[in-house]
Amino acid sequence: VMIDTLLKHRALAAQLDLLGRYGLQPG
């Protein structure tokens, strides 16, 4: 069920733009 929750909210999490907010690079 934890993976189910992750998949359900994956698109919403992507909209947070945490990489841009903190100046991070993928990986």
PDB file of all heavy atoms in Angstrom:
ATOM      1  N   VAL A   1       0.822  -1.212   0.000  1.00  0.00           N
ATOM      2  CA  VAL A   1       0.000   0.000   0.000  1.00  0.00           C
ATOM      3  C   VAL A   1       0.857   1.263   0.000  1.00  0.00           C
ATOM      4  O   VAL A   1       0.408   2.333  -0.428  1.00  0.00           O
ATOM      5  CB  VAL A   1      -0.965   0.021   1.202  1.00  0.00           C
ATOM      6  CG1 VAL A   1      -2.000  -1.086   1.080  1.00  0.00           C
ATOM      7  CG2 VAL A   1      -0.206  -0.092   2.519  1.00  0.00           C
ATOM      8  N   MET A   2       2.089   1.170   0.487  1.00  0.00           N
ATOM      9  CA  MET A   2       2.973   2.325   0.449  1.00  0.00           C
ATOM     10  C   MET A   2       3.357   2.672  -0.992  1.00  0.00           C
ATOM     11  O   MET A   2       3.443   3.848  -1.361  1.00  0.00           O
ATOM     12  CB  MET A   2       4.236   2.054   1.271  1.00  0.00           C
ATOM     13  CG  MET A   2       3.964   1.835   2.747  1.00  0.00           C
ATOM     14  SD  MET A   2       3.204   3.275   3.540  1.00  0.00           S
ATOM     15  CE  MET A   2       4.557   4.425   3.499  1.00  0.00           C
ATOM     16  N   ILE A   3       3.574   1.658  -1.807  1.00  0.00           N
ATOM     17  CA  ILE A   3       3.866   1.902  -3.223  1.00  0.00           C
ATOM     18  C   ILE A   3       2.633   2.449  -3.923  1.00  0.00           C
ATOM     19  O   ILE A   3       2.725   3.346  -4.777  1.00  0.00           O
ATOM     20  CB  ILE A   3       4.346   0.606  -3.908  1.00  0.00           C
ATOM     21  CG1 ILE A   3       5.638   0.100  -3.240  1.00  0.00           C
ATOM     22  CG2 ILE A   3       4.568   0.841  -5.397  1.00  0.00           C
ATOM     23  CD1 ILE A   3       6.786   1.081  -3.290  1.00  0.00           C
ATOM     24  N   ASP A   4       1.459   1.941  -3.564  1.00  0.00           N
ATOM     25  CA  ASP A   4       0.212   2.477  -4.124  1.00  0.00           C
ATOM     26  C   ASP A   4       0.093   3.969  -3.825  1.00  0.00           C
ATOM     27  O   ASP A   4      -0.281   4.771  -4.689  1.00  0.00           O
ATOM     28  CB  ASP A   4      -1.000   1.737  -3.545  1.00  0.00           C
ATOM     29  CG  ASP A   4      -1.061   0.284  -3.962  1.00  0.00           C
ATOM     30  OD1 ASP A   4      -0.434  -0.060  -4.971  1.00  0.00           O
ATOM     31  OD2 ASP A   4      -1.737  -0.497  -3.274  1.00  0.00           O
ATOM     32  N   THR A   5       0.411   4.343  -2.591  1.00  0.00           N
ATOM     33  CA  THR A   5       0.350   5.754  -2.197  1.00  0.00           C
ATOM     34  C   THR A   5       1.366   6.580  -2.972  1.00  0.00           C
ATOM     35  O   THR A   5       1.070   7.695  -3.425  1.00  0.00           O
ATOM     36  CB  THR A   5       0.618   5.889  -0.681  1.00  0.00           C
ATOM     37  OG1 THR A   5      -0.339   5.109   0.032  1.00  0.00           O
ATOM     38  CG2 THR A   5       0.513   7.333  -0.237  1.00  0.00           C
ATOM     39  N   LEU A   6       2.569   6.046  -3.133  1.00  0.00           N
ATOM     40  CA  LEU A   6       3.610   6.740  -3.890  1.00  0.00           C
ATOM     41  C   LEU A   6       3.161   7.017  -5.318  1.00  0.00           C
ATOM     42  O   LEU A   6       3.280   8.144  -5.822  1.00  0.00           O
ATOM     43  CB  LEU A   6       4.890   5.902  -3.896  1.00  0.00           C
ATOM     44  CG  LEU A   6       6.012   6.383  -4.814  1.00  0.00           C
ATOM     45  CD1 LEU A   6       6.536   7.740  -4.363  1.00  0.00           C
ATOM     46  CD2 LEU A   6       7.152   5.366  -4.856  1.00  0.00           C
ATOM     47  N   LEU A   7       2.619   6.006  -5.972  1.00  0.00           N
ATOM     48  CA  LEU A   7       2.187   6.169  -7.359  1.00  0.00           C
ATOM     49  C   LEU A   7       1.020   7.145  -7.472  1.00  0.00           C
ATOM     50  O   LEU A   7       0.949   7.947  -8.408  1.00  0.00           O
ATOM     51  CB  LEU A   7       1.802   4.804  -7.942  1.00  0.00           C
ATOM     52  CG  LEU A   7       2.950   3.794  -8.077  1.00  0.00           C
ATOM     53  CD1 LEU A   7       2.421   2.448  -8.571  1.00  0.00           C
ATOM     54  CD2 LEU A   7       4.032   4.318  -9.014  1.00  0.00           C
ATOM     55  N   LYS A   8       0.126   7.101  -6.503  1.00  0.00           N
ATOM     56  CA  LYS A   8      -1.035   7.996  -6.538  1.00  0.00           C
ATOM     57  C   LYS A   8      -0.619   9.455  -6.451  1.00  0.00           C
ATOM     58  O   LYS A   8      -1.229  10.329  -7.083  1.00  0.00           O
ATOM     59  CB  LYS A   8      -1.983   7.649  -5.389  1.00  0.00           C
ATOM     60  CG  LYS A   8      -3.221   8.538  -5.340  1.00  0.00           C
ATOM     61  CD  LYS A   8      -4.169   8.126  -4.217  1.00  0.00           C
ATOM     62  CE  LYS A   8      -5.400   9.031  -4.181  1.00  0.00           C
ATOM     63  NZ  LYS A   8      -6.346   8.634  -3.107  1.00  0.00           N
ATOM     64  N   HIS A   9       0.422   9.739  -5.675  1.00  0.00           N
ATOM     65  CA  HIS A   9       0.821  11.125  -5.426  1.00  0.00           C
ATOM     66  C   HIS A   9       2.076  11.534  -6.193  1.00  0.00           C
ATOM     67  O   HIS A   9       2.611  12.625  -5.965  1.00  0.00           O
ATOM     68  CB  HIS A   9       1.049  11.333  -3.933  1.00  0.00           C
ATOM     69  CG  HIS A   9      -0.196  11.176  -3.112  1.00  0.00           C
ATOM     70  ND1 HIS A   9      -1.189  12.129  -3.079  1.00  0.00           N
ATOM     71  CD2 HIS A   9      -0.620  10.167  -2.317  1.00  0.00           C
ATOM     72  CE1 HIS A   9      -2.175  11.717  -2.289  1.00  0.00           C
ATOM     73  NE2 HIS A   9      -1.848  10.535  -1.816  1.00  0.00           N
ATOM     74  N   ARG A  10       2.529  10.689  -7.094  1.00  0.00           N
ATOM     75  CA  ARG A  10       3.774  10.975  -7.816  1.00  0.00           C
ATOM     76  C   ARG A  10       3.672  12.260  -8.637  1.00  0.00           C
ATOM     77  O   ARG A  10       4.581  13.098  -8.619  1.00  0.00           O
ATOM     78  CB  ARG A  10       4.123   9.792  -8.723  1.00  0.00           C
ATOM     79  CG  ARG A  10       5.464   9.893  -9.393  1.00  0.00           C
ATOM     80  CD  ARG A  10       5.800   8.624 -10.144  1.00  0.00           C
ATOM     81  NE  ARG A  10       7.116   8.682 -10.747  1.00  0.00           N
ATOM     82  CZ  ARG A  10       7.666   7.696 -11.442  1.00  0.00           C
ATOM     83  NH1 ARG A  10       6.997   6.553 -11.572  1.00  0.00           N
ATOM     84  NH2 ARG A  10       8.862   7.827 -11.964  1.00  0.00           N
ATOM     85  N   ALA A  11       2.565  12.434  -9.352  1.00  0.00           N
ATOM     86  CA  ALA A  11       2.397  13.633 -10.180  1.00  0.00           C
ATOM     87  C   ALA A  11       2.349  14.896  -9.312  1.00  0.00           C
ATOM     88  O   ALA A  11       2.931  15.931  -9.660  1.00  0.00           O
ATOM     89  CB  ALA A  11       1.141  13.515 -11.030  1.00  0.00           C
ATOM     90  N   LEU A  12       1.665  14.813  -8.173  1.00  0.00           N
ATOM     91  CA  LEU A  12       1.575  15.956  -7.275  1.00  0.00           C
ATOM     92  C   LEU A  12       2.949  16.317  -6.721  1.00  0.00           C
ATOM     93  O   LEU A  12       3.302  17.503  -6.619  1.00  0.00           O
ATOM     94  CB  LEU A  12       0.612  15.644  -6.132  1.00  0.00           C
ATOM     95  CG  LEU A  12       0.400  16.740  -5.090  1.00  0.00           C
ATOM     96  CD1 LEU A  12      -0.211  17.975  -5.733  1.00  0.00           C
ATOM     97  CD2 LEU A  12      -0.499  16.237  -3.965  1.00  0.00           C
ATOM     98  N   ALA A  13       3.730  15.302  -6.364  1.00  0.00           N
ATOM     99  CA  ALA A  13       5.072  15.544  -5.834  1.00  0.00           C
ATOM    100  C   ALA A  13       5.958  16.221  -6.876  1.00  0.00           C
ATOM    101  O   ALA A  13       6.765  17.095  -6.549  1.00  0.00           O
ATOM    102  CB  ALA A  13       5.700  14.227  -5.374  1.00  0.00           C
ATOM    103  N   ALA A  14       5.798  15.836  -8.136  1.00  0.00           N
ATOM    104  CA  ALA A  14       6.611  16.423  -9.197  1.00  0.00           C
ATOM    105  C   ALA A  14       6.342  17.909  -9.359  1.00  0.00           C
ATOM    106  O   ALA A  14       7.216  18.671  -9.799  1.00  0.00           O
ATOM    107  CB  ALA A  14       6.361  15.685 -10.512  1.00  0.00           C
ATOM    108  N   GLN A  15       5.154  18.357  -9.015  1.00  0.00           N
ATOM    109  CA  GLN A  15       4.787  19.768  -9.156  1.00  0.00           C
ATOM    110  C   GLN A  15       5.425  20.652  -8.086  1.00  0.00           C
ATOM    111  O   GLN A  15       5.384  21.879  -8.188  1.00  0.00           O
ATOM    112  CB  GLN A  15       3.265  19.911  -9.089  1.00  0.00           C
ATOM    113  CG  GLN A  15       2.527  19.242 -10.230  1.00  0.00           C
ATOM    114  CD  GLN A  15       1.014  19.290 -10.063  1.00  0.00           C
ATOM    115  OE1 GLN A  15       0.494  20.028  -9.220  1.00  0.00           O
ATOM    116  NE2 GLN A  15       0.306  18.500 -10.844  1.00  0.00           N
ATOM    117  N   LEU A  16       6.017  20.061  -7.045  1.00  0.00           N
ATOM    118  CA  LEU A  16       6.619  20.857  -5.981  1.00  0.00           C
ATOM    119  C   LEU A  16       7.882  21.573  -6.433  1.00  0.00           C
ATOM    120  O   LEU A  16       8.302  22.552  -5.816  1.00  0.00           O
ATOM    121  CB  LEU A  16       6.946  19.960  -4.781  1.00  0.00           C
ATOM    122  CG  LEU A  16       5.759  19.336  -4.051  1.00  0.00           C
ATOM    123  CD1 LEU A  16       6.249  18.360  -2.984  1.00  0.00           C
ATOM    124  CD2 LEU A  16       4.906  20.421  -3.398  1.00  0.00           C
ATOM    125  N   ASP A  17       8.519  21.097  -7.503  1.00  0.00           N
ATOM    126  CA  ASP A  17       9.738  21.699  -8.044  1.00  0.00           C
ATOM    127  C   ASP A  17      10.789  21.901  -6.955  1.00  0.00           C
ATOM    128  O   ASP A  17      11.352  22.990  -6.793  1.00  0.00           O
ATOM    129  CB  ASP A  17       9.434  23.036  -8.728  1.00  0.00           C
ATOM    130  CG  ASP A  17      10.665  23.582  -9.468  1.00  0.00           C
ATOM    131  OD1 ASP A  17      11.489  22.768  -9.924  1.00  0.00           O
ATOM    132  OD2 ASP A  17      10.797  24.817  -9.540  1.00  0.00           O
ATOM    133  N   LEU A  18      11.058  20.851  -6.201  1.00  0.00           N
ATOM    134  CA  LEU A  18      12.047  20.957  -5.139  1.00  0.00           C
ATOM    135  C   LEU A  18      13.458  21.147  -5.677  1.00  0.00           C
ATOM    136  O   LEU A  18      14.297  21.778  -5.023  1.00  0.00           O
ATOM    137  CB  LEU A  18      11.980  19.710  -4.254  1.00  0.00           C
ATOM    138  CG  LEU A  18      10.664  19.524  -3.496  1.00  0.00           C
ATOM    139  CD1 LEU A  18      10.687  18.232  -2.697  1.00  0.00           C
ATOM    140  CD2 LEU A  18      10.405  20.701  -2.567  1.00  0.00           C
ATOM    141  N   LEU A  19      13.722  20.617  -6.865  1.00  0.00           N
ATOM    142  CA  LEU A  19      15.050  20.797  -7.447  1.00  0.00           C
ATOM    143  C   LEU A  19      15.321  22.278  -7.699  1.00  0.00           C
ATOM    144  O   LEU A  19      16.379  22.799  -7.340  1.00  0.00           O
ATOM    145  CB  LEU A  19      15.172  19.995  -8.753  1.00  0.00           C
ATOM    146  CG  LEU A  19      15.044  18.476  -8.644  1.00  0.00           C
ATOM    147  CD1 LEU A  19      15.257  17.831 -10.003  1.00  0.00           C
ATOM    148  CD2 LEU A  19      16.051  17.920  -7.647  1.00  0.00           C
ATOM    149  N   GLY A  20      14.333  22.939  -8.295  1.00  0.00           N
ATOM    150  CA  GLY A  20      14.504  24.358  -8.563  1.00  0.00           C
ATOM    151  C   GLY A  20      14.532  25.182  -7.293  1.00  0.00           C
ATOM    152  O   GLY A  20      15.293  26.145  -7.169  1.00  0.00           O
ATOM    153  N   ARG A  21      13.714  24.795  -6.312  1.00  0.00           N
ATOM    154  CA  ARG A  21      13.621  25.562  -5.064  1.00  0.00           C
ATOM    155  C   ARG A  21      14.948  25.558  -4.307  1.00  0.00           C
ATOM    156  O   ARG A  21      15.324  26.553  -3.686  1.00  0.00           O
ATOM    157  CB  ARG A  21      12.513  24.981  -4.194  1.00  0.00           C
ATOM    158  CG  ARG A  21      12.274  25.743  -2.900  1.00  0.00           C
ATOM    159  CD  ARG A  21      11.174  25.120  -2.073  1.00  0.00           C
ATOM    160  NE  ARG A  21       9.910  25.036  -2.791  1.00  0.00           N
ATOM    161  CZ  ARG A  21       8.778  24.583  -2.253  1.00  0.00           C
ATOM    162  NH1 ARG A  21       8.760  24.171  -0.990  1.00  0.00           N
ATOM    163  NH2 ARG A  21       7.674  24.526  -2.963  1.00  0.00           N
ATOM    164  N   TYR A  22      15.659  24.442  -4.355  1.00  0.00           N
ATOM    165  CA  TYR A  22      16.897  24.329  -3.596  1.00  0.00           C
ATOM    166  C   TYR A  22      18.148  24.328  -4.467  1.00  0.00           C
ATOM    167  O   TYR A  22      19.253  24.112  -3.974  1.00  0.00           O
ATOM    168  CB  TYR A  22      16.866  23.055  -2.748  1.00  0.00           C
ATOM    169  CG  TYR A  22      15.795  23.070  -1.691  1.00  0.00           C
ATOM    170  CD1 TYR A  22      14.774  22.130  -1.694  1.00  0.00           C
ATOM    171  CD2 TYR A  22      15.804  24.035  -0.691  1.00  0.00           C
ATOM    172  CE1 TYR A  22      13.786  22.149  -0.723  1.00  0.00           C
ATOM    173  CE2 TYR A  22      14.815  24.059   0.284  1.00  0.00           C
ATOM    174  CZ  TYR A  22      13.816  23.117   0.266  1.00  0.00           C
ATOM    175  OH  TYR A  22      12.843  23.139   1.216  1.00  0.00           O
ATOM    176  N   GLY A  23      17.980  24.556  -5.770  1.00  0.00           N
ATOM    177  CA  GLY A  23      19.133  24.595  -6.655  1.00  0.00           C
ATOM    178  C   GLY A  23      19.833  23.259  -6.787  1.00  0.00           C
ATOM    179  O   GLY A  23      21.065  23.197  -6.892  1.00  0.00           O
ATOM    180  N   LEU A  24      19.067  22.188  -6.801  1.00  0.00           N
ATOM    181  CA  LEU A  24      19.624  20.841  -6.896  1.00  0.00           C
ATOM    182  C   LEU A  24      19.633  20.341  -8.330  1.00  0.00           C
ATOM    183  O   LEU A  24      18.858  20.808  -9.175  1.00  0.00           O
ATOM    184  CB  LEU A  24      18.808  19.885  -6.018  1.00  0.00           C
ATOM    185  CG  LEU A  24      18.745  20.222  -4.527  1.00  0.00           C
ATOM    186  CD1 LEU A  24      17.733  19.337  -3.836  1.00  0.00           C
ATOM    187  CD2 LEU A  24      20.116  20.077  -3.880  1.00  0.00           C
ATOM    188  N   GLN A  25      20.482  19.360  -8.575  1.00  0.00           N
ATOM    189  CA  GLN A  25      20.562  18.733  -9.883  1.00  0.00           C
ATOM    190  C   GLN A  25      20.067  17.294  -9.797  1.00  0.00           C
ATOM    191  O   GLN A  25      20.336  16.607  -8.795  1.00  0.00           O
ATOM    192  CB  GLN A  25      22.008  18.743 -10.405  1.00  0.00           C
ATOM    193  CG  GLN A  25      22.594  20.127 -10.604  1.00  0.00           C
ATOM    194  CD  GLN A  25      21.834  20.932 -11.645  1.00  0.00           C
ATOM    195  OE1 GLN A  25      21.434  20.375 -12.671  1.00  0.00           O
ATOM    196  NE2 GLN A  25      21.633  22.214 -11.386  1.00  0.00           N
ATOM    197  N   PRO A  26      19.346  16.808 -10.804  1.00  0.00           N
ATOM    198  CA  PRO A  26      18.902  15.408 -10.780  1.00  0.00           C
ATOM    199  C   PRO A  26      20.086  14.466 -10.585  1.00  0.00           C
ATOM    200  O   PRO A  26      21.104  14.586 -11.260  1.00  0.00           O
ATOM    201  CB  PRO A  26      18.258  15.221 -12.167  1.00  0.00           C
ATOM    202  CG  PRO A  26      17.833  16.600 -12.564  1.00  0.00           C
ATOM    203  CD  PRO A  26      18.880  17.526 -12.013  1.00  0.00           C
ATOM    204  N   GLY A  27      19.980  13.571  -9.636  1.00  0.00           N
ATOM    205  CA  GLY A  27      21.061  12.639  -9.352  1.00  0.00           C
ATOM    206  C   GLY A  27      22.196  13.241  -8.551  1.00  0.00           C
ATOM    207  O   GLY A  27      23.188  12.554  -8.270  1.00  0.00           O
TER     208      GLY A  27
END
